C-alpha cells in the first residue's frame, strides 16, 4: 500500500497583540475589502479568496494566543495537492496577491513583528 503524506506549509507571521478587538476589526475590514470569505472546515476558521478555476485559491487565517497575533497565509497548490507557503516561484501570482493582503494588515495594524517564516 502506497502511503502519501501531504506536506502542509504556510507562511506564518507573529505580531505583538495589544488590543485584540481593534486588531480583529482591522483584519476583518481588510479581508472584506479584498473579497475573502469566511469558511469553517474541520473545526478550522479561515478566509478564502477564489475557488481555483483560473488561479489557485488564496487563504488567510488569524488567531490570538495571549499577547500574540498570528497571521497565516497560503495558497492551494494543485501540483502537490497541498498547501504552499507564499514564497517560491510556483503559483507566484496568487502568492503575491495573498502576501500583499498580509502586508496591508501588518502596515495597518502597526504592531511589532515577532517572527516571519
PDB file of N, CA and C in Angstrom:
ATOM      1  N   UNK A   1       0.844  -1.180   0.000  1.00  0.00           N
ATOM      2  CA  UNK A   1       0.000   0.000   0.000  1.00  0.00           C
ATOM      3  C   UNK A   1       0.889   1.243   0.000  1.00  0.00           C
ATOM      4  N   UNK A   2       0.588   2.167  -0.888  1.00  0.00           N
ATOM      5  CA  UNK A   2       1.349   3.401  -1.006  1.00  0.00           C
ATOM      6  C   UNK A   2       0.825   4.421  -0.005  1.00  0.00           C
ATOM      7  N   UNK A   3       1.704   4.965   0.806  1.00  0.00           N
ATOM      8  CA  UNK A   3       1.324   5.967   1.788  1.00  0.00           C
ATOM      9  C   UNK A   3       1.906   7.303   1.354  1.00  0.00           C
ATOM     10  N   UNK A   4       1.042   8.259   1.020  1.00  0.00           N
ATOM     11  CA  UNK A   4       1.492   9.578   0.590  1.00  0.00           C
ATOM     12  C   UNK A   4       1.150  10.573   1.685  1.00  0.00           C
ATOM     13  N   UNK A   5       2.153  11.252   2.200  1.00  0.00           N
ATOM     14  CA  UNK A   5       1.939  12.302   3.185  1.00  0.00           C
ATOM     15  C   UNK A   5       1.956  13.641   2.474  1.00  0.00           C
ATOM     16  N   UNK A   6       0.906  14.403   2.622  1.00  0.00           N
ATOM     17  CA  UNK A   6       0.825  15.727   2.020  1.00  0.00           C
ATOM     18  C   UNK A   6       1.388  16.723   3.021  1.00  0.00           C
ATOM     19  N   UNK A   7       2.404  17.418   2.604  1.00  0.00           N
ATOM     20  CA  UNK A   7       3.039  18.404   3.471  1.00  0.00           C
ATOM     21  C   UNK A   7       2.254  19.704   3.384  1.00  0.00           C
ATOM     22  N   UNK A   8       1.790  20.175   4.507  1.00  0.00           N
ATOM     23  CA  UNK A   8       1.071  21.431   4.565  1.00  0.00           C
ATOM     24  C   UNK A   8       2.051  22.499   5.012  1.00  0.00           C
ATOM     25  N   UNK A   9       2.132  23.555   4.244  1.00  0.00           N
ATOM     26  CA  UNK A   9       3.096  24.584   4.518  1.00  0.00           C
ATOM     27  C   UNK A   9       2.436  25.956   4.423  1.00  0.00           C
ATOM     28  N   UNK A  10       2.602  26.741   5.441  1.00  0.00           N
ATOM     29  CA  UNK A  10       2.006  28.078   5.482  1.00  0.00           C
ATOM     30  C   UNK A  10       3.058  29.115   5.856  1.00  0.00           C
ATOM     31  N   UNK A  11       2.873  30.321   5.353  1.00  0.00           N
ATOM     32  CA  UNK A  11       3.652  31.457   5.821  1.00  0.00           C
ATOM     33  C   UNK A  11       3.004  31.903   7.128  1.00  0.00           C
ATOM     34  N   UNK A  12       3.798  32.020   8.178  1.00  0.00           N
ATOM     35  CA  UNK A  12       3.273  32.368   9.497  1.00  0.00           C
ATOM     36  C   UNK A  12       3.983  33.614  10.009  1.00  0.00           C
ATOM     37  N   UNK A  13       3.186  34.603  10.366  1.00  0.00           N
ATOM     38  CA  UNK A  13       3.702  35.881  10.864  1.00  0.00           C
ATOM     39  C   UNK A  13       3.149  36.076  12.264  1.00  0.00           C
ATOM     40  N   UNK A  14       4.028  36.333  13.221  1.00  0.00           N
ATOM     41  CA  UNK A  14       3.606  36.562  14.600  1.00  0.00           C
ATOM     42  C   UNK A  14       3.886  38.016  14.959  1.00  0.00           C
ATOM     43  N   UNK A  15       2.858  38.692  15.444  1.00  0.00           N
ATOM     44  CA  UNK A  15       2.962  40.089  15.864  1.00  0.00           C
ATOM     45  C   UNK A  15       2.587  40.194  17.336  1.00  0.00           C
ATOM     46  N   UNK A  16       3.055  41.251  17.989  1.00  0.00           N
ATOM     47  CA  UNK A  16       2.581  41.541  19.336  1.00  0.00           C
ATOM     48  C   UNK A  16       1.128  41.980  19.228  1.00  0.00           C
ATOM     49  N   UNK A  17       0.305  41.577  20.189  1.00  0.00           N
ATOM     50  CA  UNK A  17      -1.095  41.987  20.232  1.00  0.00           C
ATOM     51  C   UNK A  17      -1.318  42.824  21.472  1.00  0.00           C
ATOM     52  N   UNK A  18      -1.821  44.041  21.264  1.00  0.00           N
ATOM     53  CA  UNK A  18      -2.070  44.934  22.393  1.00  0.00           C
ATOM     54  C   UNK A  18      -3.556  45.250  22.565  1.00  0.00           C
ATOM     55  N   UNK A  19      -4.338  45.064  21.500  1.00  0.00           N
ATOM     56  CA  UNK A  19      -5.761  45.359  21.548  1.00  0.00           C
ATOM     57  C   UNK A  19      -6.484  44.416  20.579  1.00  0.00           C
ATOM     58  N   UNK A  20      -6.736  43.171  20.997  1.00  0.00           N
ATOM     59  CA  UNK A  20      -7.303  42.165  20.093  1.00  0.00           C
ATOM     60  C   UNK A  20      -8.602  42.580  19.395  1.00  0.00           C
ATOM     61  N   UNK A  21      -9.497  43.274  20.080  1.00  0.00           N
ATOM     62  CA  UNK A  21     -10.767  43.671  19.460  1.00  0.00           C
ATOM     63  C   UNK A  21     -10.515  44.629  18.295  1.00  0.00           C
ATOM     64  N   UNK A  22      -9.657  45.624  18.487  1.00  0.00           N
ATOM     65  CA  UNK A  22      -9.308  46.572  17.435  1.00  0.00           C
ATOM     66  C   UNK A  22      -8.579  45.882  16.297  1.00  0.00           C
ATOM     67  N   UNK A  23      -7.649  45.013  16.653  1.00  0.00           N
ATOM     68  CA  UNK A  23      -6.863  44.294  15.641  1.00  0.00           C
ATOM     69  C   UNK A  23      -7.760  43.394  14.789  1.00  0.00           C
ATOM     70  N   UNK A  24      -8.693  42.711  15.425  1.00  0.00           N
ATOM     71  CA  UNK A  24      -9.610  41.851  14.681  1.00  0.00           C
ATOM     72  C   UNK A  24     -10.489  42.677  13.740  1.00  0.00           C
ATOM     73  N   UNK A  25     -10.932  43.831  14.190  1.00  0.00           N
ATOM     74  CA  UNK A  25     -11.755  44.704  13.347  1.00  0.00           C
ATOM     75  C   UNK A  25     -10.971  45.138  12.099  1.00  0.00           C
ATOM     76  N   UNK A  26      -9.724  45.538  12.271  1.00  0.00           N
ATOM     77  CA  UNK A  26      -8.883  45.946  11.144  1.00  0.00           C
ATOM     78  C   UNK A  26      -8.680  44.781  10.180  1.00  0.00           C
ATOM     79  N   UNK A  27      -8.355  43.614  10.717  1.00  0.00           N
ATOM     80  CA  UNK A  27      -8.112  42.429   9.882  1.00  0.00           C
ATOM     81  C   UNK A  27      -9.365  42.084   9.075  1.00  0.00           C
ATOM     82  N   UNK A  28     -10.517  42.057   9.719  1.00  0.00           N
ATOM     83  CA  UNK A  28     -11.761  41.700   9.037  1.00  0.00           C
ATOM     84  C   UNK A  28     -12.125  42.725   7.955  1.00  0.00           C
ATOM     85  N   UNK A  29     -11.860  44.000   8.205  1.00  0.00           N
ATOM     86  CA  UNK A  29     -12.123  45.027   7.191  1.00  0.00           C
ATOM     87  C   UNK A  29     -11.238  44.812   5.964  1.00  0.00           C
ATOM     88  N   UNK A  30      -9.984  44.505   6.180  1.00  0.00           N
ATOM     89  CA  UNK A  30      -9.055  44.276   5.067  1.00  0.00           C
ATOM     90  C   UNK A  30      -9.455  43.018   4.301  1.00  0.00           C
ATOM     91  N   UNK A  31      -9.824  41.968   5.009  1.00  0.00           N
ATOM     92  CA  UNK A  31     -10.269  40.743   4.342  1.00  0.00           C
ATOM     93  C   UNK A  31     -11.509  41.005   3.494  1.00  0.00           C
ATOM     94  N   UNK A  32     -12.468  41.755   4.023  1.00  0.00           N
ATOM     95  CA  UNK A  32     -13.696  42.069   3.278  1.00  0.00           C
ATOM     96  C   UNK A  32     -13.385  42.908   2.039  1.00  0.00           C
ATOM     97  N   UNK A  33     -12.507  43.897   2.179  1.00  0.00           N
ATOM     98  CA  UNK A  33     -12.137  44.750   1.036  1.00  0.00           C
ATOM     99  C   UNK A  33     -11.475  43.946  -0.080  1.00  0.00           C
ATOM    100  N   UNK A  34     -10.863  42.832   0.273  1.00  0.00           N
ATOM    101  CA  UNK A  34     -10.147  42.012  -0.695  1.00  0.00           C
ATOM    102  C   UNK A  34     -10.914  40.744  -1.074  1.00  0.00           C
ATOM    103  N   UNK A  35     -12.210  40.735  -0.782  1.00  0.00           N
ATOM    104  CA  UNK A  35     -13.110  39.643  -1.178  1.00  0.00           C
ATOM    105  C   UNK A  35     -12.733  38.276  -0.614  1.00  0.00           C
ATOM    106  N   UNK A  36     -12.251  38.244   0.609  1.00  0.00           N
ATOM    107  CA  UNK A  36     -12.004  36.975   1.298  1.00  0.00           C
ATOM    108  C   UNK A  36     -13.268  36.602   2.050  1.00  0.00           C
ATOM    109  N   UNK A  37     -13.713  35.369   1.893  1.00  0.00           N
ATOM    110  CA  UNK A  37     -14.924  34.889   2.555  1.00  0.00           C
ATOM    111  C   UNK A  37     -14.564  33.943   3.693  1.00  0.00           C
ATOM    112  N   UNK A  38     -15.286  34.087   4.794  1.00  0.00           N
ATOM    113  CA  UNK A  38     -15.036  33.236   5.959  1.00  0.00           C
ATOM    114  C   UNK A  38     -15.517  31.818   5.696  1.00  0.00           C
ATOM    115  N   UNK A  39     -14.692  30.844   6.077  1.00  0.00           N
ATOM    116  CA  UNK A  39     -15.004  29.426   5.908  1.00  0.00           C
ATOM    117  C   UNK A  39     -14.714  28.705   7.223  1.00  0.00           C
ATOM    118  N   UNK A  40     -15.363  27.570   7.400  1.00  0.00           N
ATOM    119  CA  UNK A  40     -15.103  26.704   8.534  1.00  0.00           C
ATOM    120  C   UNK A  40     -15.037  25.279   8.004  1.00  0.00           C
ATOM    121  N   UNK A  41     -13.898  24.643   8.190  1.00  0.00           N
ATOM    122  CA  UNK A  41     -13.725  23.273   7.734  1.00  0.00           C
ATOM    123  C   UNK A  41     -12.858  22.536   8.753  1.00  0.00           C
ATOM    124  N   UNK A  42     -13.295  21.360   9.153  1.00  0.00           N
ATOM    125  CA  UNK A  42     -12.563  20.552  10.138  1.00  0.00           C
ATOM    126  C   UNK A  42     -12.217  21.367  11.382  1.00  0.00           C
ATOM    127  N   UNK A  43     -13.178  22.140  11.863  1.00  0.00           N
ATOM    128  CA  UNK A  43     -13.017  22.990  13.055  1.00  0.00           C
ATOM    129  C   UNK A  43     -11.938  24.056  12.906  1.00  0.00           C
ATOM    130  N   UNK A  44     -11.575  24.399  11.689  1.00  0.00           N
ATOM    131  CA  UNK A  44     -10.608  25.476  11.449  1.00  0.00           C
ATOM    132  C   UNK A  44     -11.323  26.612  10.732  1.00  0.00           C
ATOM    133  N   UNK A  45     -11.254  27.815  11.315  1.00  0.00           N
ATOM    134  CA  UNK A  45     -11.847  29.005  10.710  1.00  0.00           C
ATOM    135  C   UNK A  45     -10.761  29.747   9.951  1.00  0.00           C
ATOM    136  N   UNK A  46     -11.039  30.048   8.690  1.00  0.00           N
ATOM    137  CA  UNK A  46     -10.077  30.756   7.850  1.00  0.00           C
ATOM    138  C   UNK A  46     -10.852  31.556   6.811  1.00  0.00           C
ATOM    139  N   UNK A  47     -10.149  32.316   6.000  1.00  0.00           N
ATOM    140  CA  UNK A  47     -10.765  33.147   4.976  1.00  0.00           C
ATOM    141  C   UNK A  47     -10.177  32.757   3.629  1.00  0.00           C
ATOM    142  N   UNK A  48     -11.046  32.665   2.625  1.00  0.00           N
ATOM    143  CA  UNK A  48     -10.632  32.193   1.309  1.00  0.00           C
ATOM    144  C   UNK A  48     -11.019  33.203   0.240  1.00  0.00           C
ATOM    145  N   UNK A  49     -10.112  33.374  -0.735  1.00  0.00           N
ATOM    146  CA  UNK A  49     -10.365  34.192  -1.902  1.00  0.00           C
ATOM    147  C   UNK A  49     -10.159  33.323  -3.129  1.00  0.00           C
ATOM    148  N   UNK A  50     -11.180  33.189  -3.945  1.00  0.00           N
ATOM    149  CA  UNK A  50     -11.078  32.386  -5.156  1.00  0.00           C
ATOM    150  C   UNK A  50     -11.403  30.928  -4.901  1.00  0.00           C
ATOM    151  N   UNK A  51     -11.774  30.273  -6.007  1.00  0.00           N
ATOM    152  CA  UNK A  51     -12.133  28.854  -5.910  1.00  0.00           C
ATOM    153  C   UNK A  51     -11.215  27.966  -6.725  1.00  0.00           C
ATOM    154  N   UNK A  52     -10.276  28.565  -7.454  1.00  0.00           N
ATOM    155  CA  UNK A  52      -9.295  27.760  -8.146  1.00  0.00           C
ATOM    156  C   UNK A  52      -9.596  27.404  -9.583  1.00  0.00           C
ATOM    157  N   UNK A  53     -10.560  28.069 -10.219  1.00  0.00           N
ATOM    158  CA  UNK A  53     -10.847  27.758 -11.607  1.00  0.00           C
ATOM    159  C   UNK A  53      -9.726  28.233 -12.536  1.00  0.00           C
ATOM    160  N   UNK A  54      -9.271  29.468 -12.354  1.00  0.00           N
ATOM    161  CA  UNK A  54      -8.203  30.009 -13.194  1.00  0.00           C
ATOM    162  C   UNK A  54      -6.903  30.224 -12.425  1.00  0.00           C
ATOM    163  N   UNK A  55      -7.038  30.579 -11.170  1.00  0.00           N
ATOM    164  CA  UNK A  55      -5.875  30.864 -10.321  1.00  0.00           C
ATOM    165  C   UNK A  55      -6.062  30.117  -9.005  1.00  0.00           C
ATOM    166  N   UNK A  56      -4.973  29.656  -8.434  1.00  0.00           N
ATOM    167  CA  UNK A  56      -5.035  28.923  -7.165  1.00  0.00           C
ATOM    168  C   UNK A  56      -5.738  29.756  -6.086  1.00  0.00           C
ATOM    169  N   UNK A  57      -6.617  29.139  -5.303  1.00  0.00           N
ATOM    170  CA  UNK A  57      -7.273  29.869  -4.227  1.00  0.00           C
ATOM    171  C   UNK A  57      -6.274  30.286  -3.152  1.00  0.00           C
ATOM    172  N   UNK A  58      -6.577  31.431  -2.524  1.00  0.00           N
ATOM    173  CA  UNK A  58      -5.713  32.006  -1.503  1.00  0.00           C
ATOM    174  C   UNK A  58      -6.415  31.935  -0.156  1.00  0.00           C
ATOM    175  N   UNK A  59      -5.633  31.726   0.892  1.00  0.00           N
ATOM    176  CA  UNK A  59      -6.192  31.544   2.227  1.00  0.00           C
ATOM    177  C   UNK A  59      -5.439  32.403   3.238  1.00  0.00           C
ATOM    178  N   UNK A  60      -6.192  32.956   4.192  1.00  0.00           N
ATOM    179  CA  UNK A  60      -5.616  33.705   5.305  1.00  0.00           C
ATOM    180  C   UNK A  60      -6.353  33.285   6.572  1.00  0.00           C
ATOM    181  N   UNK A  61      -5.591  33.099   7.621  1.00  0.00           N
ATOM    182  CA  UNK A  61      -6.144  32.761   8.929  1.00  0.00           C
ATOM    183  C   UNK A  61      -5.476  33.661   9.954  1.00  0.00           C
ATOM    184  N   UNK A  62      -6.231  34.063  10.955  1.00  0.00           N
ATOM    185  CA  UNK A  62      -5.628  34.805  12.067  1.00  0.00           C
ATOM    186  C   UNK A  62      -6.111  34.205  13.374  1.00  0.00           C
ATOM    187  N   UNK A  63      -5.285  34.318  14.394  1.00  0.00           N
ATOM    188  CA  UNK A  63      -5.653  33.837  15.720  1.00  0.00           C
ATOM    189  C   UNK A  63      -4.865  34.621  16.764  1.00  0.00           C
ATOM    190  N   UNK A  64      -5.361  34.584  17.965  1.00  0.00           N
ATOM    191  CA  UNK A  64      -4.712  35.250  19.086  1.00  0.00           C
ATOM    192  C   UNK A  64      -4.270  34.190  20.080  1.00  0.00           C
ATOM    193  N   UNK A  65      -3.073  34.367  20.617  1.00  0.00           N
ATOM    194  CA  UNK A  65      -2.533  33.465  21.627  1.00  0.00           C
ATOM    195  C   UNK A  65      -1.859  34.328  22.681  1.00  0.00           C
ATOM    196  N   UNK A  66      -2.585  34.635  23.730  1.00  0.00           N
ATOM    197  CA  UNK A  66      -2.055  35.522  24.766  1.00  0.00           C
ATOM    198  C   UNK A  66      -1.822  36.906  24.193  1.00  0.00           C
ATOM    199  N   UNK A  67      -0.588  37.377  24.284  1.00  0.00           N
ATOM    200  CA  UNK A  67      -0.256  38.707  23.764  1.00  0.00           C
ATOM    201  C   UNK A  67       0.323  38.642  22.350  1.00  0.00           C
ATOM    202  N   UNK A  68      -0.027  37.590  21.616  1.00  0.00           N
ATOM    203  CA  UNK A  68       0.466  37.422  20.249  1.00  0.00           C
ATOM    204  C   UNK A  68      -0.706  37.317  19.271  1.00  0.00           C
ATOM    205  N   UNK A  69      -0.510  37.919  18.099  1.00  0.00           N
ATOM    206  CA  UNK A  69      -1.429  37.798  16.982  1.00  0.00           C
ATOM    207  C   UNK A  69      -0.714  36.990  15.912  1.00  0.00           C
ATOM    208  N   UNK A  70      -1.317  35.900  15.480  1.00  0.00           N
ATOM    209  CA  UNK A  70      -0.693  35.020  14.494  1.00  0.00           C
ATOM    210  C   UNK A  70      -1.479  35.123  13.191  1.00  0.00           C
ATOM    211  N   UNK A  71      -0.780  35.514  12.126  1.00  0.00           N
ATOM    212  CA  UNK A  71      -1.351  35.584  10.789  1.00  0.00           C
ATOM    213  C   UNK A  71      -0.770  34.444   9.969  1.00  0.00           C
ATOM    214  N   UNK A  72      -1.611  33.730   9.244  1.00  0.00           N
ATOM    215  CA  UNK A  72      -1.153  32.643   8.384  1.00  0.00           C
ATOM    216  C   UNK A  72      -1.663  32.894   6.974  1.00  0.00           C
ATOM    217  N   UNK A  73      -0.814  32.623   5.988  1.00  0.00           N
ATOM    218  CA  UNK A  73      -1.214  32.762   4.601  1.00  0.00           C
ATOM    219  C   UNK A  73      -0.697  31.599   3.782  1.00  0.00           C
ATOM    220  N   UNK A  74      -1.506  31.133   2.816  1.00  0.00           N
ATOM    221  CA  UNK A  74      -1.090  30.029   1.961  1.00  0.00           C
ATOM    222  C   UNK A  74      -1.956  29.998   0.716  1.00  0.00           C
ATOM    223  N   UNK A  75      -1.504  29.275  -0.273  1.00  0.00           N
ATOM    224  CA  UNK A  75      -2.303  29.017  -1.462  1.00  0.00           C
ATOM    225  C   UNK A  75      -2.455  27.508  -1.599  1.00  0.00           C
ATOM    226  N   UNK A  76      -3.494  27.116  -2.286  1.00  0.00           N
ATOM    227  CA  UNK A  76      -3.706  25.690  -2.580  1.00  0.00           C
ATOM    228  C   UNK A  76      -2.868  25.373  -3.804  1.00  0.00           C
ATOM    229  N   UNK A  77      -1.936  24.469  -3.644  1.00  0.00           N
ATOM    230  CA  UNK A  77      -1.016  24.118  -4.718  1.00  0.00           C
ATOM    231  C   UNK A  77      -1.502  22.839  -5.387  1.00  0.00           C
ATOM    232  N   UNK A  78      -2.019  22.973  -6.586  1.00  0.00           N
ATOM    233  CA  UNK A  78      -2.586  21.816  -7.284  1.00  0.00           C
ATOM    234  C   UNK A  78      -1.521  20.820  -7.726  1.00  0.00           C
ATOM    235  N   UNK A  79      -0.304  21.286  -7.927  1.00  0.00           N
ATOM    236  CA  UNK A  79       0.755  20.382  -8.379  1.00  0.00           C
ATOM    237  C   UNK A  79       1.082  19.327  -7.326  1.00  0.00           C
ATOM    238  N   UNK A  80       1.070  19.728  -6.043  1.00  0.00           N
ATOM    239  CA  UNK A  80       1.370  18.768  -4.977  1.00  0.00           C
ATOM    240  C   UNK A  80       0.143  18.455  -4.129  1.00  0.00           C
ATOM    241  N   UNK A  81      -1.009  19.022  -4.529  1.00  0.00           N
ATOM    242  CA  UNK A  81      -2.278  18.770  -3.847  1.00  0.00           C
ATOM    243  C   UNK A  81      -2.240  19.122  -2.363  1.00  0.00           C
ATOM    244  N   UNK A  82      -1.555  20.173  -2.029  1.00  0.00           N
ATOM    245  CA  UNK A  82      -1.497  20.596  -0.639  1.00  0.00           C
ATOM    246  C   UNK A  82      -1.345  22.096  -0.529  1.00  0.00           C
ATOM    247  N   UNK A  83      -0.989  22.535   0.644  1.00  0.00           N
ATOM    248  CA  UNK A  83      -0.788  23.950   0.901  1.00  0.00           C
ATOM    249  C   UNK A  83       0.623  24.354   0.520  1.00  0.00           C
ATOM    250  N   UNK A  84       0.755  25.620   0.147  1.00  0.00           N
ATOM    251  CA  UNK A  84       2.062  26.133  -0.231  1.00  0.00           C
ATOM    252  C   UNK A  84       2.279  27.497   0.414  1.00  0.00           C
ATOM    253  N   UNK A  85       3.466  27.681   1.003  1.00  0.00           N
ATOM    254  CA  UNK A  85       3.844  28.963   1.584  1.00  0.00           C
ATOM    255  C   UNK A  85       3.818  30.035   0.504  1.00  0.00           C
ATOM    256  N   UNK A  86       3.949  31.277   0.909  1.00  0.00           N
ATOM    257  CA  UNK A  86       3.839  32.394  -0.022  1.00  0.00           C
ATOM    258  C   UNK A  86       5.166  32.807  -0.639  1.00  0.00           C
ATOM    259  N   UNK A  87       6.172  31.956  -0.560  1.00  0.00           N
ATOM    260  CA  UNK A  87       7.428  32.229  -1.250  1.00  0.00           C
ATOM    261  C   UNK A  87       7.602  31.205  -2.366  1.00  0.00           C
ATOM    262  N   UNK A  88       8.585  31.384  -3.202  1.00  0.00           N
ATOM    263  CA  UNK A  88       8.823  30.445  -4.300  1.00  0.00           C
ATOM    264  C   UNK A  88       8.122  30.865  -5.580  1.00  0.00           C
ATOM    265  N   UNK A  89       8.544  30.272  -6.675  1.00  0.00           N
ATOM    266  CA  UNK A  89       8.068  30.660  -7.998  1.00  0.00           C
ATOM    267  C   UNK A  89       6.761  29.981  -8.402  1.00  0.00           C
ATOM    268  N   UNK A  90       6.541  28.755  -7.959  1.00  0.00           N
ATOM    269  CA  UNK A  90       5.318  28.044  -8.355  1.00  0.00           C
ATOM    270  C   UNK A  90       4.104  28.757  -7.770  1.00  0.00           C
ATOM    271  N   UNK A  91       3.186  29.155  -8.631  1.00  0.00           N
ATOM    272  CA  UNK A  91       1.991  29.872  -8.184  1.00  0.00           C
ATOM    273  C   UNK A  91       2.288  31.288  -7.749  1.00  0.00           C
ATOM    274  N   UNK A  92       3.232  31.933  -8.407  1.00  0.00           N
ATOM    275  CA  UNK A  92       3.712  33.250  -7.989  1.00  0.00           C
ATOM    276  C   UNK A  92       2.616  34.313  -7.943  1.00  0.00           C
ATOM    277  N   UNK A  93       1.695  34.313  -8.897  1.00  0.00           N
ATOM    278  CA  UNK A  93       0.669  35.362  -8.939  1.00  0.00           C
ATOM    279  C   UNK A  93      -0.251  35.300  -7.722  1.00  0.00           C
ATOM    280  N   UNK A  94      -0.865  34.166  -7.414  1.00  0.00           N
ATOM    281  CA  UNK A  94      -1.724  34.147  -6.219  1.00  0.00           C
ATOM    282  C   UNK A  94      -0.927  34.339  -4.920  1.00  0.00           C
ATOM    283  N   UNK A  95       0.296  33.857  -4.896  1.00  0.00           N
ATOM    284  CA  UNK A  95       1.125  34.050  -3.698  1.00  0.00           C
ATOM    285  C   UNK A  95       1.382  35.528  -3.456  1.00  0.00           C
ATOM    286  N   UNK A  96       1.729  36.254  -4.519  1.00  0.00           N
ATOM    287  CA  UNK A  96       1.984  37.696  -4.403  1.00  0.00           C
ATOM    288  C   UNK A  96       0.727  38.414  -3.923  1.00  0.00           C
ATOM    289  N   UNK A  97      -0.414  38.031  -4.457  1.00  0.00           N
ATOM    290  CA  UNK A  97      -1.683  38.652  -4.087  1.00  0.00           C
ATOM    291  C   UNK A  97      -1.997  38.429  -2.606  1.00  0.00           C
ATOM    292  N   UNK A  98      -1.841  37.213  -2.134  1.00  0.00           N
ATOM    293  CA  UNK A  98      -2.110  36.884  -0.735  1.00  0.00           C
ATOM    294  C   UNK A  98      -1.121  37.599   0.186  1.00  0.00           C
ATOM    295  N   UNK A  99       0.141  37.622  -0.212  1.00  0.00           N
ATOM    296  CA  UNK A  99       1.175  38.293   0.582  1.00  0.00           C
ATOM    297  C   UNK A  99       0.894  39.793   0.675  1.00  0.00           C
ATOM    298  N   UNK A 100       0.386  40.380  -0.418  1.00  0.00           N
ATOM    299  CA  UNK A 100       0.060  41.811  -0.406  1.00  0.00           C
ATOM    300  C   UNK A 100      -1.033  42.114   0.619  1.00  0.00           C
ATOM    301  N   UNK A 101      -2.018  41.227   0.749  1.00  0.00           N
ATOM    302  CA  UNK A 101      -3.079  41.425   1.744  1.00  0.00           C
ATOM    303  C   UNK A 101      -2.493  41.330   3.154  1.00  0.00           C
ATOM    304  N   UNK A 102      -1.628  40.351   3.388  1.00  0.00           N
ATOM    305  CA  UNK A 102      -0.977  40.230   4.698  1.00  0.00           C
ATOM    306  C   UNK A 102      -0.114  41.461   4.987  1.00  0.00           C
ATOM    307  N   UNK A 103       0.610  41.943   3.984  1.00  0.00           N
ATOM    308  CA  UNK A 103       1.435  43.150   4.171  1.00  0.00           C
ATOM    309  C   UNK A 103       0.573  44.356   4.529  1.00  0.00           C
ATOM    310  N   UNK A 104      -0.592  44.467   3.903  1.00  0.00           N
ATOM    311  CA  UNK A 104      -1.520  45.556   4.225  1.00  0.00           C
ATOM    312  C   UNK A 104      -1.964  45.452   5.679  1.00  0.00           C
ATOM    313  N   UNK A 105      -2.245  44.233   6.119  1.00  0.00           N
ATOM    314  CA  UNK A 105      -2.641  44.029   7.522  1.00  0.00           C
ATOM    315  C   UNK A 105      -1.525  44.479   8.461  1.00  0.00           C
ATOM    316  N   UNK A 106      -0.311  44.035   8.171  1.00  0.00           N
ATOM    317  CA  UNK A 106       0.828  44.364   9.029  1.00  0.00           C
ATOM    318  C   UNK A 106       1.007  45.876   9.114  1.00  0.00           C
ATOM    319  N   UNK A 107       0.943  46.549   7.974  1.00  0.00           N
ATOM    320  CA  UNK A 107       1.107  48.007   7.955  1.00  0.00           C
ATOM    321  C   UNK A 107      -0.037  48.705   8.681  1.00  0.00           C
ATOM    322  N   UNK A 108      -1.270  48.252   8.444  1.00  0.00           N
ATOM    323  CA  UNK A 108      -2.428  48.889   9.069  1.00  0.00           C
ATOM    324  C   UNK A 108      -2.457  48.689  10.577  1.00  0.00           C
ATOM    325  N   UNK A 109      -2.026  47.516  11.022  1.00  0.00           N
ATOM    326  CA  UNK A 109      -2.005  47.234  12.456  1.00  0.00           C
ATOM    327  C   UNK A 109      -0.911  48.020  13.165  1.00  0.00           C
ATOM    328  N   UNK A 110       0.262  48.095  12.548  1.00  0.00           N
ATOM    329  CA  UNK A 110       1.386  48.806  13.154  1.00  0.00           C
ATOM    330  C   UNK A 110       1.975  48.116  14.371  1.00  0.00           C
ATOM    331  N   UNK A 111       1.674  46.838  14.561  1.00  0.00           N
ATOM    332  CA  UNK A 111       2.187  46.092  15.717  1.00  0.00           C
ATOM    333  C   UNK A 111       3.610  45.621  15.463  1.00  0.00           C
ATOM    334  N   UNK A 112       4.363  45.455  16.531  1.00  0.00           N
ATOM    335  CA  UNK A 112       5.724  44.978  16.434  1.00  0.00           C
ATOM    336  C   UNK A 112       5.731  43.515  15.965  1.00  0.00           C
ATOM    337  N   UNK A 113       6.579  43.227  14.958  1.00  0.00           N
ATOM    338  CA  UNK A 113       6.681  41.866  14.443  1.00  0.00           C
ATOM    339  C   UNK A 113       7.613  41.067  15.341  1.00  0.00           C
ATOM    340  N   UNK A 114       7.174  39.848  15.658  1.00  0.00           N
ATOM    341  CA  UNK A 114       7.976  38.943  16.466  1.00  0.00           C
ATOM    342  C   UNK A 114       8.707  37.951  15.570  1.00  0.00           C
ATOM    343  N   UNK A 115       7.992  37.377  14.598  1.00  0.00           N
ATOM    344  CA  UNK A 115       8.627  36.422  13.687  1.00  0.00           C
ATOM    345  C   UNK A 115       7.878  36.364  12.353  1.00  0.00           C
ATOM    346  N   UNK A 116       8.597  35.932  11.334  1.00  0.00           N
ATOM    347  CA  UNK A 116       8.042  35.805   9.974  1.00  0.00           C
ATOM    348  C   UNK A 116       8.723  34.592   9.348  1.00  0.00           C
ATOM    349  N   UNK A 117       7.976  33.557   9.112  1.00  0.00           N
ATOM    350  CA  UNK A 117       8.533  32.383   8.435  1.00  0.00           C
ATOM    351  C   UNK A 117       7.486  31.685   7.615  1.00  0.00           C
TER     352      UNK A 117
END
